[in-house]
Amino acid sequence: MTQTTYQKCLEEMYSLHRFGIKLGLDVISRILENLGNPHRTFSCIHIAGTNGKGSIASGLAHILHASGMSVGLYTSPHLVKFNERIVVNHVQISDKEIVDAYQTVKGACDTDREPTFFEYTTAMALYHFAKTRVDWAVIETGMGGRLDATNILNPTISVISNISLEHRFYLGNTIADITDEKAGIIKPNTPVVAGVTQKSAIAVIEAVAEKMSAPLYRLGRDFRVRRKGDRWFSYFGMDHQWQDMRTGLRGNHQIDNAALVLACCEVLQQKNVPITLQTVRNSLETYQWPGRLEVLPTSPPIVIDGAHNLMSARVLGRYFQSELADKEITLVIGVLDDKPFQSILQSLLPHCRRVILTEPKIDRRMPPEKMFDLAKSLVGDTEIVMDVGAAVRHALKITPSEKGIVCIAGSLYVVGEAKEALAKMNLPG
C-alpha cells in the first residue's frame, strides 16, 4: 500500500455527495448485507443530538475500554485527518486499513444509486469494527437520526443529547420537527437516555419512546447533577448517587454531557455489563475530546473550540464571560454558509478585544467579507486574513503574552486547519 493509494481513496470518497438525509436506508442496508452484516457482530450505543455527541461518545468509549472491553468509536467530522473518525481502543484506523475498508465497501456497492460520502464512511467503520472484533461500538449520527446511515443499527442504548435549530433544510423548521428526526433512532424496547430540555422536544421524545415501548431516562427527571465548582459535580441517578465526580472536559455544559454518560453506565450495569464506579470515575476525569474548549498552554495561551452552531457559540460566549473575563481575547473565527453568522458573532464578539475573520478550505465556507461589517461594528479591531493558518500565526503575533489569549472558533473545519497549522509551529509554552 502506498500513500498515493491512500490519497486516491480519500479523493474518491470526498467526490461523493456530502449529504443524504432524505435518501433513506436502502443503500446502506444493501451494502452491509453484501458485507455479511458486520454491524450485527458487536453491541453498540447510538448517539444523536445537536451538540455534545462526540464528548458523550468518547467518554463512553473510554469507560467501556477501561472496563476491559475492545471498543470502536465512530464520530464526525474529523479535525485534521480522516482516520480520526474510526478508532479502536483509542487507536485511529491506519492508512492501510482505510484502503482495505474502502476497497471492500466499494466492492459491495451494487446499489441503485451511488452512496453518499457518509454512507460510505459508515459502512467502512462498521466493516472495520467487525474485522477487528470489537465487543462494543459507540457510534455518533452524522445528521438527524431517522434516515441517518447509522440508523441501520440495533443498539443496546439510544442517546439523544440535546436539540437546537440546525440543518433546517434537512431536519425541519421547529424544535419539534428536528426532535422527531433525531428521535428516529429510538428502537423498540431499547432504553433511551435523553438530555433534551424544551417542552416540545420532551413531548416528542416521550411520545416516540412510549410508542416503541422504550424505557426513557431523562436528565432533570430520572437523573440529575449538582454542580460543585470547576468540573466537579455530584450525580443522582436511577440506582446510584455518585458524589464528587469530575469531568476532564472544560465548560459548564460538559457536566450535563457527563450526566448522560453516567446514566448510560447505570443502564449498562442493569444489563450486567461489568463497569465499576472507580473505572467510571477515573475515565471521566482523564479523558479528553480535541477541539472542544481545548486549552493549549502556549504563550499566549490558545483556546480551541468548534462553536460551530448558535447553541455552542452561546456556550463559548458564557465561557468567555465566566472564565476569561480578565483576558484580552483575540478571536480567530470562520463559519459555514448554512449557519446564522449574525447570531454567532453577537454571542462571541462582545467579549473580545480583537477579531480576525478567516475561512476554511471547504466549499460551504462563508466569505469573511460577508461578516466584516457586523464584526467591525461589534469590535473595532477587526481584520480579514483568508488562510486559517496565516490567521492563527497573525493572532499569536499581535496578542500580548501576559494578559492575552487566542481563541479559534466558528467551525470544526477552521479548528482542524488551525490544529494542523499549530502542529507545524514551534510555540513557546
Protein backbone atom coordinates (compact mmCIF):
# COMPACT_ATOMS: atom_id res chain seq x y z
CA MET A 1 0.00 0.00 0.00
CA THR A 2 1.37 3.38 -1.00
CA GLN A 3 0.50 6.84 0.28
CA THR A 4 -0.77 7.54 -3.23
CA THR A 5 -3.31 4.69 -2.89
CA TYR A 6 -4.50 6.08 0.43
CA GLN A 7 -4.86 9.60 -1.00
CA LYS A 8 -6.71 8.26 -4.04
CA CYS A 9 -9.23 6.51 -1.79
CA LEU A 10 -9.84 9.72 0.14
CA GLU A 11 -10.19 11.76 -3.06
CA GLU A 12 -12.77 9.30 -4.39
CA MET A 13 -14.74 9.48 -1.13
CA TYR A 14 -14.63 13.27 -0.99
CA SER A 15 -16.02 13.42 -4.53
CA LEU A 16 -19.23 11.72 -3.37
CA HIS A 17 -22.33 13.64 -2.33
CA ARG A 18 -21.86 15.08 1.15
CA PHE A 19 -25.41 14.83 2.46
CA GLY A 20 -28.22 12.34 2.13
CA ILE A 21 -30.68 12.85 4.97
CA LYS A 22 -33.74 12.32 2.73
CA LEU A 23 -32.32 9.38 0.81
CA GLY A 24 -33.34 6.59 3.18
CA LEU A 25 -31.61 3.47 4.46
CA ASP A 26 -31.94 1.20 1.42
CA VAL A 27 -28.42 1.79 0.11
CA ILE A 28 -26.60 1.34 3.44
CA SER A 29 -28.73 -1.76 4.12
CA ARG A 30 -27.74 -3.30 0.79
CA ILE A 31 -24.04 -2.54 1.25
CA LEU A 32 -23.97 -4.04 4.74
CA GLU A 33 -25.91 -7.09 3.58
CA ASN A 34 -23.30 -7.64 0.86
CA LEU A 35 -20.60 -7.35 3.55
CA GLY A 36 -22.25 -10.00 5.70
CA ASN A 37 -23.96 -7.53 8.05
CA PRO A 38 -20.86 -6.61 10.09
CA HIS A 39 -22.90 -4.35 12.39
CA ARG A 40 -24.57 -7.41 13.91
CA THR A 41 -21.32 -8.78 15.31
CA PHE A 42 -20.95 -6.35 18.23
CA SER A 43 -23.03 -4.44 20.78
CA CYS A 44 -23.38 -0.70 20.29
CA ILE A 45 -24.53 2.61 21.72
CA HIS A 46 -26.08 5.04 19.23
CA ILE A 47 -25.92 8.80 19.86
CA ALA A 48 -27.89 11.64 18.23
CA GLY A 49 -28.42 15.29 19.17
CA THR A 50 -27.35 18.80 18.24
CA ASN A 51 -24.28 19.23 20.45
CA GLY A 52 -22.20 17.04 22.72
CA LYS A 53 -22.41 13.82 20.69
CA GLY A 54 -18.65 13.46 20.35
CA SER A 55 -17.95 14.27 24.00
CA ILE A 56 -20.53 11.71 25.15
CA ALA A 57 -19.36 9.08 22.65
CA SER A 58 -15.71 9.49 23.57
CA GLY A 59 -16.49 9.33 27.30
CA LEU A 60 -18.46 6.10 26.91
CA ALA A 61 -15.77 4.55 24.70
CA HIS A 62 -13.12 5.35 27.33
CA ILE A 63 -15.18 3.82 30.14
CA LEU A 64 -16.01 0.64 28.22
CA HIS A 65 -12.39 0.16 27.18
CA ALA A 66 -11.13 0.81 30.72
CA SER A 67 -13.62 -1.87 31.85
CA GLY A 68 -11.73 -4.45 29.79
CA MET A 69 -13.63 -4.44 26.53
CA SER A 70 -12.50 -3.86 22.95
CA VAL A 71 -14.29 -0.74 21.75
CA GLY A 72 -14.82 1.01 18.42
CA LEU A 73 -15.62 4.73 18.22
CA TYR A 74 -17.15 6.35 15.12
CA THR A 75 -17.52 10.14 15.06
CA SER A 76 -17.55 13.01 12.57
CA PRO A 77 -16.25 15.26 11.26
CA HIS A 78 -12.52 14.79 11.69
CA LEU A 79 -10.34 17.75 12.60
CA VAL A 80 -7.02 17.09 10.86
CA LYS A 81 -7.05 13.61 9.34
CA PHE A 82 -9.85 11.34 8.14
CA ASN A 83 -8.51 8.49 10.29
CA GLU A 84 -9.81 10.26 13.42
CA ARG A 85 -13.35 9.19 12.50
CA ILE A 86 -12.76 5.46 13.05
CA VAL A 87 -10.97 4.45 16.25
CA VAL A 88 -10.49 1.11 18.02
CA ASN A 89 -9.24 1.08 21.61
CA HIS A 90 -8.04 4.70 21.33
CA VAL A 91 -6.02 3.92 18.16
CA GLN A 92 -7.04 5.56 14.90
CA ILE A 93 -7.56 3.36 11.85
CA SER A 94 -4.34 3.16 9.84
CA ASP A 95 -3.93 4.37 6.26
CA LYS A 96 -3.61 0.75 5.12
CA GLU A 97 -6.79 -0.23 6.95
CA ILE A 98 -8.64 2.68 5.33
CA VAL A 99 -7.63 1.44 1.90
CA ASP A 100 -8.77 -2.09 2.80
CA ALA A 101 -12.10 -0.86 4.17
CA TYR A 102 -12.71 1.47 1.22
CA GLN A 103 -11.94 -1.15 -1.41
CA THR A 104 -14.05 -3.76 0.40
CA VAL A 105 -17.04 -1.42 0.66
CA LYS A 106 -16.59 -0.32 -2.96
CA GLY A 107 -16.85 -3.95 -3.99
CA ALA A 108 -20.15 -4.24 -2.11
CA CYS A 109 -21.81 -1.23 -3.77
CA ASP A 110 -24.16 -2.86 -6.30
CA THR A 111 -26.83 -0.32 -5.36
CA ASP A 112 -29.48 1.61 -7.27
CA ARG A 113 -27.72 4.92 -6.67
CA GLU A 114 -24.23 6.00 -5.72
CA PRO A 115 -23.71 6.02 -1.94
CA THR A 116 -23.12 9.34 -0.24
CA PHE A 117 -19.83 10.13 1.48
CA PHE A 118 -21.38 9.42 4.88
CA GLU A 119 -22.93 6.12 3.80
CA TYR A 120 -19.54 5.02 2.51
CA THR A 121 -17.66 6.01 5.66
CA THR A 122 -20.31 4.46 7.92
CA ALA A 123 -20.05 1.15 6.07
CA MET A 124 -16.25 1.34 6.32
CA ALA A 125 -16.42 1.91 10.08
CA LEU A 126 -18.83 -0.97 10.70
CA TYR A 127 -16.73 -3.27 8.49
CA HIS A 128 -13.56 -2.29 10.34
CA PHE A 129 -15.14 -2.79 13.77
CA ALA A 130 -16.29 -6.27 12.79
CA LYS A 131 -12.91 -7.15 11.29
CA THR A 132 -11.08 -6.07 14.46
CA ARG A 133 -13.65 -7.95 16.56
CA VAL A 134 -14.71 -5.18 18.88
CA ASP A 135 -17.06 -6.06 21.72
CA TRP A 136 -18.72 -2.66 21.65
CA ALA A 137 -19.01 0.27 19.26
CA VAL A 138 -20.05 3.78 20.22
CA ILE A 139 -21.49 5.43 17.14
CA GLU A 140 -22.47 9.04 16.52
CA THR A 141 -25.07 10.02 13.94
CA GLY A 142 -23.95 12.29 11.15
CA MET A 143 -27.03 14.48 10.87
CA GLY A 144 -30.54 13.91 12.13
CA GLY A 145 -31.31 10.32 13.07
CA ARG A 146 -34.34 8.71 11.45
CA LEU A 147 -32.77 8.40 7.98
CA ASP A 148 -29.13 8.80 9.02
CA ALA A 149 -26.97 5.99 7.63
CA THR A 150 -26.06 4.94 11.18
CA ASN A 151 -29.72 4.20 11.97
CA ILE A 152 -29.27 0.75 10.49
CA LEU A 153 -28.06 -0.21 13.98
CA ASN A 154 -29.96 -2.05 16.69
CA PRO A 155 -28.27 -0.51 19.73
CA THR A 156 -28.23 -1.51 23.38
CA ILE A 157 -28.86 2.14 24.31
CA SER A 158 -30.01 5.13 22.26
CA VAL A 159 -28.83 8.57 23.40
CA ILE A 160 -30.26 11.96 22.39
CA SER A 161 -28.04 14.68 23.83
CA ASN A 162 -29.95 17.92 23.22
CA ILE A 163 -31.83 19.76 20.50
CA SER A 164 -31.48 23.15 18.83
CA LEU A 165 -32.42 24.56 15.44
CA GLU A 166 -29.89 23.27 12.88
CA HIS A 167 -29.79 21.92 9.33
CA ARG A 168 -33.35 23.17 8.81
CA PHE A 169 -33.37 22.27 5.12
CA TYR A 170 -32.86 18.62 6.07
CA LEU A 171 -34.41 18.31 9.53
CA GLY A 172 -37.30 20.79 9.77
CA ASN A 173 -38.02 24.32 10.93
CA THR A 174 -39.14 23.74 14.50
CA ILE A 175 -37.68 22.12 17.61
CA ALA A 176 -40.46 19.51 17.46
CA ASP A 177 -39.69 18.66 13.80
CA ILE A 178 -35.97 18.34 14.47
CA THR A 179 -36.60 16.26 17.59
CA ASP A 180 -38.84 13.94 15.59
CA GLU A 181 -35.98 13.29 13.15
CA LYS A 182 -33.47 12.66 15.93
CA ALA A 183 -35.94 10.53 17.91
CA GLY A 184 -35.97 8.24 14.89
CA ILE A 185 -33.01 6.40 16.44
CA ILE A 186 -35.27 5.10 19.24
CA LYS A 187 -35.81 1.36 18.78
CA PRO A 188 -38.47 -0.96 20.25
CA ASN A 189 -37.81 -1.95 23.87
CA THR A 190 -34.41 -0.22 23.80
CA PRO A 191 -33.51 2.19 26.65
CA VAL A 192 -33.24 5.87 25.74
CA VAL A 193 -31.08 8.37 27.64
CA ALA A 194 -32.01 11.98 26.82
CA GLY A 195 -30.74 15.43 27.73
CA VAL A 196 -33.41 17.49 25.94
CA THR A 197 -34.90 20.43 27.85
CA GLN A 198 -37.51 22.14 25.65
CA LYS A 199 -41.14 21.18 26.34
CA SER A 200 -41.84 20.44 22.68
CA ALA A 201 -38.74 18.25 22.39
CA ILE A 202 -39.59 16.38 25.60
CA ALA A 203 -43.13 15.77 24.36
CA VAL A 204 -41.90 14.30 21.07
CA ILE A 205 -39.32 12.00 22.70
CA GLU A 206 -41.78 10.82 25.33
CA ALA A 207 -44.37 10.04 22.65
CA VAL A 208 -41.91 8.12 20.46
CA ALA A 209 -40.48 6.22 23.44
CA GLU A 210 -43.98 5.24 24.56
CA LYS A 211 -44.90 4.11 21.05
CA MET A 212 -41.73 1.99 20.91
CA SER A 213 -42.13 0.67 24.48
CA ALA A 214 -38.64 2.06 25.05
CA PRO A 215 -37.69 2.88 28.66
CA LEU A 216 -36.86 6.62 28.81
CA TYR A 217 -34.35 8.14 31.25
CA ARG A 218 -34.37 11.92 31.06
CA LEU A 219 -31.95 14.45 32.56
CA GLY A 220 -33.74 16.51 35.20
CA ARG A 221 -36.42 13.90 35.81
CA ASP A 222 -34.83 10.46 36.17
CA PHE A 223 -31.27 11.58 36.88
CA ARG A 224 -29.71 14.93 37.69
CA VAL A 225 -26.48 16.64 38.72
CA ARG A 226 -25.46 19.17 41.34
CA ARG A 227 -22.54 21.33 40.28
CA LYS A 228 -19.77 21.92 42.82
CA GLY A 229 -17.22 24.12 41.07
CA ASP A 230 -14.71 23.75 38.28
CA ARG A 231 -15.76 20.49 36.56
CA TRP A 232 -16.82 18.93 39.91
CA PHE A 233 -20.35 17.63 40.47
CA SER A 234 -22.46 15.03 42.23
CA TYR A 235 -24.66 12.67 40.24
CA PHE A 236 -28.07 11.49 41.41
CA GLY A 237 -29.16 8.64 39.19
CA MET A 238 -31.73 5.90 38.82
CA ASP A 239 -29.88 3.41 41.03
CA HIS A 240 -26.90 5.31 42.44
CA GLN A 241 -25.74 8.57 43.95
CA TRP A 242 -22.15 9.23 42.97
CA GLN A 243 -20.52 12.06 44.89
CA ASP A 244 -17.50 14.18 43.93
CA MET A 245 -17.31 13.28 40.25
CA ARG A 246 -15.19 15.33 37.87
CA THR A 247 -15.12 15.61 34.10
CA GLY A 248 -11.87 16.17 32.24
CA LEU A 249 -13.63 18.47 29.76
CA ARG A 250 -13.96 22.21 30.34
CA GLY A 251 -17.22 24.13 30.27
CA ASN A 252 -20.36 24.06 32.36
CA HIS A 253 -22.22 22.21 29.60
CA GLN A 254 -19.84 19.27 29.86
CA ILE A 255 -21.32 18.38 33.25
CA ASP A 256 -24.65 17.74 31.53
CA ASN A 257 -22.86 15.62 28.93
CA ALA A 258 -21.14 13.73 31.76
CA ALA A 259 -24.54 13.11 33.36
CA LEU A 260 -25.72 11.41 30.15
CA VAL A 261 -22.57 9.28 30.16
CA LEU A 262 -23.20 8.23 33.76
CA ALA A 263 -26.85 7.45 33.07
CA CYS A 264 -25.73 5.18 30.22
CA CYS A 265 -23.31 3.49 32.63
CA GLU A 266 -26.19 2.81 35.01
CA VAL A 267 -28.26 1.27 32.20
CA LEU A 268 -25.27 -0.88 31.20
CA GLN A 269 -24.84 -2.01 34.80
CA GLN A 270 -28.51 -3.00 34.82
CA LYS A 271 -27.67 -5.20 31.83
CA ASN A 272 -24.75 -6.77 33.76
CA VAL A 273 -22.03 -5.05 31.78
CA PRO A 274 -19.03 -5.09 34.19
CA ILE A 275 -18.49 -1.37 34.87
CA THR A 276 -17.31 -0.23 38.30
CA LEU A 277 -17.64 3.19 39.92
CA GLN A 278 -13.86 3.53 40.17
CA THR A 279 -13.46 2.88 36.45
CA VAL A 280 -16.18 5.41 35.67
CA ARG A 281 -14.62 7.99 37.98
CA ASN A 282 -11.08 7.59 36.62
CA SER A 283 -12.14 7.51 32.96
CA LEU A 284 -14.44 10.53 33.25
CA GLU A 285 -11.76 12.63 34.90
CA THR A 286 -8.95 11.78 32.48
CA TYR A 287 -10.49 11.59 29.01
CA GLN A 288 -10.20 14.44 26.51
CA TRP A 289 -12.02 15.39 23.31
CA PRO A 290 -9.98 17.57 20.92
CA GLY A 291 -11.34 20.84 19.60
CA ARG A 292 -13.91 21.37 22.36
CA LEU A 293 -12.71 24.02 24.82
CA GLU A 294 -9.24 22.59 24.38
CA VAL A 295 -6.65 24.82 26.04
CA LEU A 296 -3.03 24.83 24.87
CA PRO A 297 -0.55 26.13 27.49
CA THR A 298 1.33 28.25 24.99
CA SER A 299 2.39 31.87 25.33
CA PRO A 300 -0.08 33.41 24.80
CA PRO A 301 -2.47 30.57 25.65
CA ILE A 302 -4.74 29.22 22.91
CA VAL A 303 -8.35 28.07 23.34
CA ILE A 304 -9.71 25.87 20.56
CA ASP A 305 -13.45 25.30 20.35
CA GLY A 306 -15.56 24.35 17.34
CA ALA A 307 -18.55 26.51 18.39
CA HIS A 308 -20.00 25.59 15.01
CA ASN A 309 -23.65 26.47 15.64
CA LEU A 310 -25.61 29.00 17.68
CA MET A 311 -26.05 26.81 20.74
CA SER A 312 -22.34 26.06 21.01
CA ALA A 313 -21.43 29.69 20.27
CA ARG A 314 -23.58 30.80 23.20
CA VAL A 315 -21.87 28.23 25.41
CA LEU A 316 -18.46 29.56 24.36
CA GLY A 317 -19.63 33.13 24.94
CA ARG A 318 -20.60 32.21 28.52
CA TYR A 319 -17.17 30.62 28.97
CA PHE A 320 -15.54 33.88 27.83
CA GLN A 321 -17.64 35.79 30.34
CA SER A 322 -17.13 33.46 33.31
CA GLU A 323 -13.59 32.18 32.83
CA LEU A 324 -11.77 34.66 30.60
CA ALA A 325 -13.22 37.99 31.76
CA ASP A 326 -9.77 39.25 32.77
CA LYS A 327 -8.17 38.33 29.43
CA GLU A 328 -7.72 40.23 26.18
CA ILE A 329 -9.28 37.78 23.74
CA THR A 330 -8.16 37.65 20.12
CA LEU A 331 -10.80 35.66 18.26
CA VAL A 332 -9.97 33.83 15.02
CA ILE A 333 -13.30 32.87 13.51
CA GLY A 334 -14.69 31.39 10.32
CA VAL A 335 -18.16 29.89 9.81
CA LEU A 336 -20.02 27.85 7.21
CA ASP A 337 -22.61 29.41 4.95
CA ASP A 338 -25.57 27.49 6.43
CA LYS A 339 -25.02 28.92 9.93
CA PRO A 340 -26.66 32.03 11.48
CA PHE A 341 -23.46 34.05 11.44
CA GLN A 342 -25.09 37.20 12.81
CA SER A 343 -26.23 35.49 16.00
CA ILE A 344 -22.94 33.60 16.34
CA LEU A 345 -20.92 36.82 16.09
CA GLN A 346 -23.25 38.59 18.52
CA SER A 347 -22.75 35.75 21.02
CA LEU A 348 -18.95 35.87 20.88
CA LEU A 349 -17.58 39.24 19.78
CA PRO A 350 -18.77 41.43 22.69
CA HIS A 351 -16.28 39.56 24.89
CA CYS A 352 -13.32 40.04 22.52
CA ARG A 353 -10.62 42.71 22.19
CA ARG A 354 -9.75 41.95 18.56
CA VAL A 355 -11.16 39.74 15.79
CA ILE A 356 -9.60 38.03 12.77
CA LEU A 357 -12.10 36.74 10.20
CA THR A 358 -10.98 33.77 8.11
CA GLU A 359 -12.34 30.89 6.03
CA PRO A 360 -11.66 27.13 5.91
CA LYS A 361 -10.91 25.29 2.69
CA ILE A 362 -14.37 23.82 2.18
CA ASP A 363 -16.94 24.77 -0.44
CA ARG A 364 -19.57 25.55 2.22
CA ARG A 365 -17.45 28.31 3.80
CA MET A 366 -18.86 31.78 4.31
CA PRO A 367 -16.79 34.60 2.77
CA PRO A 368 -15.28 36.71 5.58
CA GLU A 369 -16.29 39.85 3.67
CA LYS A 370 -19.94 38.97 4.34
CA MET A 371 -19.27 39.06 8.10
CA PHE A 372 -16.96 42.06 8.16
CA ASP A 373 -19.41 44.97 8.63
CA LEU A 374 -21.21 43.34 11.54
CA ALA A 375 -17.95 42.21 13.15
CA LYS A 376 -16.44 45.67 12.77
CA SER A 377 -19.49 47.26 14.41
CA LEU A 378 -19.06 44.94 17.41
CA VAL A 379 -15.25 45.06 17.66
CA GLY A 380 -13.38 47.96 16.12
CA ASP A 381 -10.14 45.99 15.81
CA THR A 382 -11.41 43.58 13.14
CA GLU A 383 -9.49 42.38 10.09
CA ILE A 384 -9.57 39.63 7.49
CA VAL A 385 -6.86 37.01 6.96
CA MET A 386 -8.16 34.50 4.44
CA ASP A 387 -5.95 31.49 5.23
CA VAL A 388 -6.65 29.84 8.59
CA GLY A 389 -3.02 29.02 9.34
CA ALA A 390 -1.93 32.58 8.49
CA ALA A 391 -4.76 33.94 10.65
CA VAL A 392 -3.58 31.88 13.63
CA ARG A 393 0.04 32.97 13.18
CA HIS A 394 -1.06 36.61 12.95
CA ALA A 395 -3.22 36.25 16.08
CA LEU A 396 -0.29 34.87 18.07
CA LYS A 397 1.91 37.73 16.86
CA ILE A 398 -0.47 40.54 17.87
CA THR A 399 -1.78 39.09 21.15
CA PRO A 400 0.12 40.06 24.33
CA SER A 401 1.63 37.09 26.16
CA GLU A 402 0.85 38.37 29.65
CA LYS A 403 -2.86 39.17 29.62
CA GLY A 404 -3.88 37.98 26.17
CA ILE A 405 -5.41 34.74 24.91
CA VAL A 406 -6.15 33.49 21.39
CA CYS A 407 -9.42 31.67 20.70
CA ILE A 408 -10.06 29.75 17.48
CA ALA A 409 -13.73 29.01 16.78
CA GLY A 410 -16.74 29.07 14.46
CA SER A 411 -16.36 25.75 12.64
CA LEU A 412 -14.77 22.37 13.22
CA TYR A 413 -13.19 22.79 9.79
CA VAL A 414 -11.50 26.00 10.95
CA VAL A 415 -10.38 24.19 14.12
CA GLY A 416 -8.95 21.33 12.09
CA GLU A 417 -6.92 23.61 9.82
CA ALA A 418 -5.74 25.58 12.85
CA LYS A 419 -4.58 22.43 14.64
CA GLU A 420 -2.72 21.33 11.53
CA ALA A 421 -1.01 24.73 11.34
CA LEU A 422 -0.21 24.77 15.06
CA ALA A 423 1.42 21.33 14.82
CA LYS A 424 3.99 22.85 12.45
CA MET A 425 4.84 25.77 14.73
CA ASN A 426 7.49 25.80 17.41
CA LEU A 427 5.31 27.51 20.00
CA PRO A 428 6.64 28.91 23.29
CA GLY A 429 5.00 27.34 26.33
